[in-house]
Amino acid sequence: MSQDLMRLDLLVPVLMYCALLWWVGRGLSWTAKLATAVVTLALIAIVVTVERGWH
């Protein structure tokens, strides 16, 4: 796989995550935002790890 595609594989989920966190987090407290960020980043890491492990 080329380097450009590898960067897009990481960049697109991170950008989508930031947009989703902004959308969902508008009415949340800072601790709820932090918890949401940690859980979402963990899920992204798990999905990327599993997907790369299968190829």
PDB file of N, CA and C in Angstrom:
ATOM      1  N   MET A   1       0.847  -1.177   0.000  1.00  0.00           N
ATOM      2  CA  MET A   1       0.000   0.000   0.000  1.00  0.00           C
ATOM      3  C   MET A   1       0.894   1.242   0.000  1.00  0.00           C
ATOM      4  N   SER A   2       0.511   2.244  -0.760  1.00  0.00           N
ATOM      5  CA  SER A   2       1.346   3.442  -0.856  1.00  0.00           C
ATOM      6  C   SER A   2       1.231   4.285   0.408  1.00  0.00           C
ATOM      7  N   GLN A   3       2.209   5.152   0.601  1.00  0.00           N
ATOM      8  CA  GLN A   3       2.234   6.015   1.778  1.00  0.00           C
ATOM      9  C   GLN A   3       1.063   6.987   1.800  1.00  0.00           C
ATOM     10  N   ASP A   4       0.638   7.491   0.632  1.00  0.00           N
ATOM     11  CA  ASP A   4      -0.478   8.427   0.583  1.00  0.00           C
ATOM     12  C   ASP A   4      -1.763   7.778   1.084  1.00  0.00           C
ATOM     13  N   LEU A   5      -1.992   6.533   0.708  1.00  0.00           N
ATOM     14  CA  LEU A   5      -3.186   5.833   1.171  1.00  0.00           C
ATOM     15  C   LEU A   5      -3.113   5.543   2.668  1.00  0.00           C
ATOM     16  N   MET A   6      -1.914   5.255   3.169  1.00  0.00           N
ATOM     17  CA  MET A   6      -1.753   5.009   4.595  1.00  0.00           C
ATOM     18  C   MET A   6      -2.100   6.266   5.383  1.00  0.00           C
ATOM     19  N   ARG A   7      -1.680   7.416   4.895  1.00  0.00           N
ATOM     20  CA  ARG A   7      -1.989   8.673   5.583  1.00  0.00           C
ATOM     21  C   ARG A   7      -3.480   8.944   5.557  1.00  0.00           C
ATOM     22  N   LEU A   8      -4.138   8.668   4.443  1.00  0.00           N
ATOM     23  CA  LEU A   8      -5.582   8.876   4.360  1.00  0.00           C
ATOM     24  C   LEU A   8      -6.322   7.921   5.293  1.00  0.00           C
ATOM     25  N   ASP A   9      -5.805   6.703   5.449  1.00  0.00           N
ATOM     26  CA  ASP A   9      -6.430   5.745   6.357  1.00  0.00           C
ATOM     27  C   ASP A   9      -6.439   6.257   7.786  1.00  0.00           C
ATOM     28  N   LEU A  10      -5.459   7.041   8.141  1.00  0.00           N
ATOM     29  CA  LEU A  10      -5.401   7.599   9.487  1.00  0.00           C
ATOM     30  C   LEU A  10      -6.029   8.977   9.569  1.00  0.00           C
ATOM     31  N   LEU A  11      -5.866   9.766   8.542  1.00  0.00           N
ATOM     32  CA  LEU A  11      -6.325  11.155   8.568  1.00  0.00           C
ATOM     33  C   LEU A  11      -7.844  11.270   8.525  1.00  0.00           C
ATOM     34  N   VAL A  12      -8.484  10.498   7.683  1.00  0.00           N
ATOM     35  CA  VAL A  12      -9.944  10.593   7.541  1.00  0.00           C
ATOM     36  C   VAL A  12     -10.671  10.234   8.835  1.00  0.00           C
ATOM     37  N   PRO A  13     -10.347   9.117   9.507  1.00  0.00           N
ATOM     38  CA  PRO A  13     -11.038   8.842  10.774  1.00  0.00           C
ATOM     39  C   PRO A  13     -10.786   9.906  11.839  1.00  0.00           C
ATOM     40  N   VAL A  14      -9.587  10.454  11.885  1.00  0.00           N
ATOM     41  CA  VAL A  14      -9.294  11.484  12.885  1.00  0.00           C
ATOM     42  C   VAL A  14     -10.107  12.742  12.609  1.00  0.00           C
ATOM     43  N   LEU A  15     -10.188  13.146  11.352  1.00  0.00           N
ATOM     44  CA  LEU A  15     -10.993  14.325  11.019  1.00  0.00           C
ATOM     45  C   LEU A  15     -12.472  14.087  11.291  1.00  0.00           C
ATOM     46  N   MET A  16     -12.957  12.903  10.957  1.00  0.00           N
ATOM     47  CA  MET A  16     -14.357  12.575  11.241  1.00  0.00           C
ATOM     48  C   MET A  16     -14.604  12.551  12.739  1.00  0.00           C
ATOM     49  N   TYR A  17     -13.647  12.043  13.492  1.00  0.00           N
ATOM     50  CA  TYR A  17     -13.757  12.014  14.938  1.00  0.00           C
ATOM     51  C   TYR A  17     -13.844  13.427  15.516  1.00  0.00           C
ATOM     52  N   CYS A  18     -12.993  14.310  15.036  1.00  0.00           N
ATOM     53  CA  CYS A  18     -13.018  15.691  15.530  1.00  0.00           C
ATOM     54  C   CYS A  18     -14.352  16.363  15.226  1.00  0.00           C
ATOM     55  N   ALA A  19     -14.865  16.159  14.042  1.00  0.00           N
ATOM     56  CA  ALA A  19     -16.161  16.747  13.686  1.00  0.00           C
ATOM     57  C   ALA A  19     -17.285  16.164  14.541  1.00  0.00           C
ATOM     58  N   LEU A  20     -17.256  14.865  14.751  1.00  0.00           N
ATOM     59  CA  LEU A  20     -18.287  14.221  15.567  1.00  0.00           C
ATOM     60  C   LEU A  20     -18.194  14.667  17.022  1.00  0.00           C
ATOM     61  N   LEU A  21     -16.974  14.768  17.538  1.00  0.00           N
ATOM     62  CA  LEU A  21     -16.801  15.215  18.914  1.00  0.00           C
ATOM     63  C   LEU A  21     -17.302  16.642  19.085  1.00  0.00           C
ATOM     64  N   TRP A  22     -17.035  17.494  18.121  1.00  0.00           N
ATOM     65  CA  TRP A  22     -17.539  18.863  18.188  1.00  0.00           C
ATOM     66  C   TRP A  22     -19.065  18.870  18.167  1.00  0.00           C
ATOM     67  N   TRP A  23     -19.656  18.068  17.295  1.00  0.00           N
ATOM     68  CA  TRP A  23     -21.117  18.033  17.154  1.00  0.00           C
ATOM     69  C   TRP A  23     -21.779  17.509  18.430  1.00  0.00           C
ATOM     70  N   VAL A  24     -21.284  16.388  18.938  1.00  0.00           N
ATOM     71  CA  VAL A  24     -21.876  15.769  20.113  1.00  0.00           C
ATOM     72  C   VAL A  24     -21.537  16.556  21.382  1.00  0.00           C
ATOM     73  N   GLY A  25     -20.346  17.118  21.419  1.00  0.00           N
ATOM     74  CA  GLY A  25     -19.857  17.734  22.643  1.00  0.00           C
ATOM     75  C   GLY A  25     -20.313  19.149  22.896  1.00  0.00           C
ATOM     76  N   ARG A  26     -21.173  19.671  22.068  1.00  0.00           N
ATOM     77  CA  ARG A  26     -21.589  21.059  22.252  1.00  0.00           C
ATOM     78  C   ARG A  26     -22.257  21.283  23.594  1.00  0.00           C
ATOM     79  N   GLY A  27     -23.025  20.339  24.093  1.00  0.00           N
ATOM     80  CA  GLY A  27     -23.726  20.530  25.350  1.00  0.00           C
ATOM     81  C   GLY A  27     -23.151  19.740  26.511  1.00  0.00           C
ATOM     82  N   LEU A  28     -21.970  19.130  26.318  1.00  0.00           N
ATOM     83  CA  LEU A  28     -21.404  18.276  27.355  1.00  0.00           C
ATOM     84  C   LEU A  28     -20.427  19.043  28.240  1.00  0.00           C
ATOM     85  N   SER A  29     -20.263  18.541  29.453  1.00  0.00           N
ATOM     86  CA  SER A  29     -19.248  19.107  30.343  1.00  0.00           C
ATOM     87  C   SER A  29     -17.863  18.668  29.863  1.00  0.00           C
ATOM     88  N   TRP A  30     -16.815  19.262  30.445  1.00  0.00           N
ATOM     89  CA  TRP A  30     -15.456  18.920  30.022  1.00  0.00           C
ATOM     90  C   TRP A  30     -15.115  17.473  30.352  1.00  0.00           C
ATOM     91  N   THR A  31     -15.598  16.963  31.475  1.00  0.00           N
ATOM     92  CA  THR A  31     -15.296  15.568  31.812  1.00  0.00           C
ATOM     93  C   THR A  31     -16.011  14.609  30.865  1.00  0.00           C
ATOM     94  N   ALA A  32     -17.229  14.943  30.477  1.00  0.00           N
ATOM     95  CA  ALA A  32     -17.944  14.104  29.520  1.00  0.00           C
ATOM     96  C   ALA A  32     -17.276  14.164  28.148  1.00  0.00           C
ATOM     97  N   LYS A  33     -16.804  15.338  27.753  1.00  0.00           N
ATOM     98  CA  LYS A  33     -16.078  15.455  26.477  1.00  0.00           C
ATOM     99  C   LYS A  33     -14.803  14.615  26.502  1.00  0.00           C
ATOM    100  N   LEU A  34     -14.095  14.670  27.621  1.00  0.00           N
ATOM    101  CA  LEU A  34     -12.856  13.901  27.745  1.00  0.00           C
ATOM    102  C   LEU A  34     -13.130  12.405  27.692  1.00  0.00           C
ATOM    103  N   ALA A  35     -14.169  11.959  28.386  1.00  0.00           N
ATOM    104  CA  ALA A  35     -14.528  10.545  28.358  1.00  0.00           C
ATOM    105  C   ALA A  35     -14.927  10.108  26.954  1.00  0.00           C
ATOM    106  N   THR A  36     -15.703  10.948  26.267  1.00  0.00           N
ATOM    107  CA  THR A  36     -16.101  10.645  24.893  1.00  0.00           C
ATOM    108  C   THR A  36     -14.883  10.555  23.985  1.00  0.00           C
ATOM    109  N   ALA A  37     -13.940  11.466  24.159  1.00  0.00           N
ATOM    110  CA  ALA A  37     -12.725  11.466  23.344  1.00  0.00           C
ATOM    111  C   ALA A  37     -11.914  10.194  23.580  1.00  0.00           C
ATOM    112  N   VAL A  38     -11.759   9.795  24.823  1.00  0.00           N
ATOM    113  CA  VAL A  38     -10.966   8.605  25.144  1.00  0.00           C
ATOM    114  C   VAL A  38     -11.615   7.347  24.565  1.00  0.00           C
ATOM    115  N   VAL A  39     -12.910   7.210  24.758  1.00  0.00           N
ATOM    116  CA  VAL A  39     -13.611   6.026  24.244  1.00  0.00           C
ATOM    117  C   VAL A  39     -13.550   5.970  22.723  1.00  0.00           C
ATOM    118  N   THR A  40     -13.773   7.099  22.069  1.00  0.00           N
ATOM    119  CA  THR A  40     -13.770   7.123  20.605  1.00  0.00           C
ATOM    120  C   THR A  40     -12.382   6.831  20.049  1.00  0.00           C
ATOM    121  N   LEU A  41     -11.345   7.416  20.633  1.00  0.00           N
ATOM    122  CA  LEU A  41      -9.983   7.143  20.171  1.00  0.00           C
ATOM    123  C   LEU A  41      -9.615   5.676  20.391  1.00  0.00           C
ATOM    124  N   ALA A  42     -10.064   5.098  21.486  1.00  0.00           N
ATOM    125  CA  ALA A  42      -9.803   3.676  21.728  1.00  0.00           C
ATOM    126  C   ALA A  42     -10.487   2.810  20.676  1.00  0.00           C
ATOM    127  N   LEU A  43     -11.732   3.142  20.341  1.00  0.00           N
ATOM    128  CA  LEU A  43     -12.437   2.384  19.307  1.00  0.00           C
ATOM    129  C   LEU A  43     -11.748   2.515  17.946  1.00  0.00           C
ATOM    130  N   ILE A  44     -11.300   3.717  17.609  1.00  0.00           N
ATOM    131  CA  ILE A  44     -10.590   3.914  16.340  1.00  0.00           C
ATOM    132  C   ILE A  44      -9.310   3.083  16.327  1.00  0.00           C
ATOM    133  N   ALA A  45      -8.567   3.094  17.440  1.00  0.00           N
ATOM    134  CA  ALA A  45      -7.323   2.326  17.517  1.00  0.00           C
ATOM    135  C   ALA A  45      -7.590   0.830  17.376  1.00  0.00           C
ATOM    136  N   ILE A  46      -8.657   0.349  17.992  1.00  0.00           N
ATOM    137  CA  ILE A  46      -8.997  -1.075  17.900  1.00  0.00           C
ATOM    138  C   ILE A  46      -9.359  -1.453  16.469  1.00  0.00           C
ATOM    139  N   VAL A  47     -10.174  -0.632  15.826  1.00  0.00           N
ATOM    140  CA  VAL A  47     -10.581  -0.923  14.443  1.00  0.00           C
ATOM    141  C   VAL A  47      -9.384  -0.920  13.510  1.00  0.00           C
ATOM    142  N   VAL A  48      -8.507   0.069  13.642  1.00  0.00           N
ATOM    143  CA  VAL A  48      -7.326   0.148  12.773  1.00  0.00           C
ATOM    144  C   VAL A  48      -6.401  -1.039  13.036  1.00  0.00           C
ATOM    145  N   THR A  49      -6.219  -1.403  14.288  1.00  0.00           N
ATOM    146  CA  THR A  49      -5.346  -2.534  14.624  1.00  0.00           C
ATOM    147  C   THR A  49      -5.891  -3.841  14.057  1.00  0.00           C
ATOM    148  N   VAL A  50      -7.179  -4.071  14.226  1.00  0.00           N
ATOM    149  CA  VAL A  50      -7.791  -5.303  13.709  1.00  0.00           C
ATOM    150  C   VAL A  50      -7.729  -5.331  12.189  1.00  0.00           C
ATOM    151  N   GLU A  51      -8.024  -4.202  11.570  1.00  0.00           N
ATOM    152  CA  GLU A  51      -8.033  -4.152  10.102  1.00  0.00           C
ATOM    153  C   GLU A  51      -6.639  -4.391   9.531  1.00  0.00           C
ATOM    154  N   ARG A  52      -5.626  -3.818  10.146  1.00  0.00           N
ATOM    155  CA  ARG A  52      -4.261  -4.024   9.653  1.00  0.00           C
ATOM    156  C   ARG A  52      -3.748  -5.415   9.984  1.00  0.00           C
ATOM    157  N   GLY A  53      -4.258  -6.010  11.042  1.00  0.00           N
ATOM    158  CA  GLY A  53      -3.829  -7.359  11.402  1.00  0.00           C
ATOM    159  C   GLY A  53      -4.346  -8.411  10.451  1.00  0.00           C
ATOM    160  N   TRP A  54      -5.483  -8.141   9.812  1.00  0.00           N
ATOM    161  CA  TRP A  54      -6.087  -9.102   8.904  1.00  0.00           C
ATOM    162  C   TRP A  54      -5.507  -9.030   7.499  1.00  0.00           C
ATOM    163  N   HIS A  55      -4.708  -8.034   7.193  1.00  0.00           N
ATOM    164  CA  HIS A  55      -4.151  -7.911   5.834  1.00  0.00           C
ATOM    165  C   HIS A  55      -2.726  -8.327   5.788  1.00  0.00           C
TER     166      HIS A  55
END
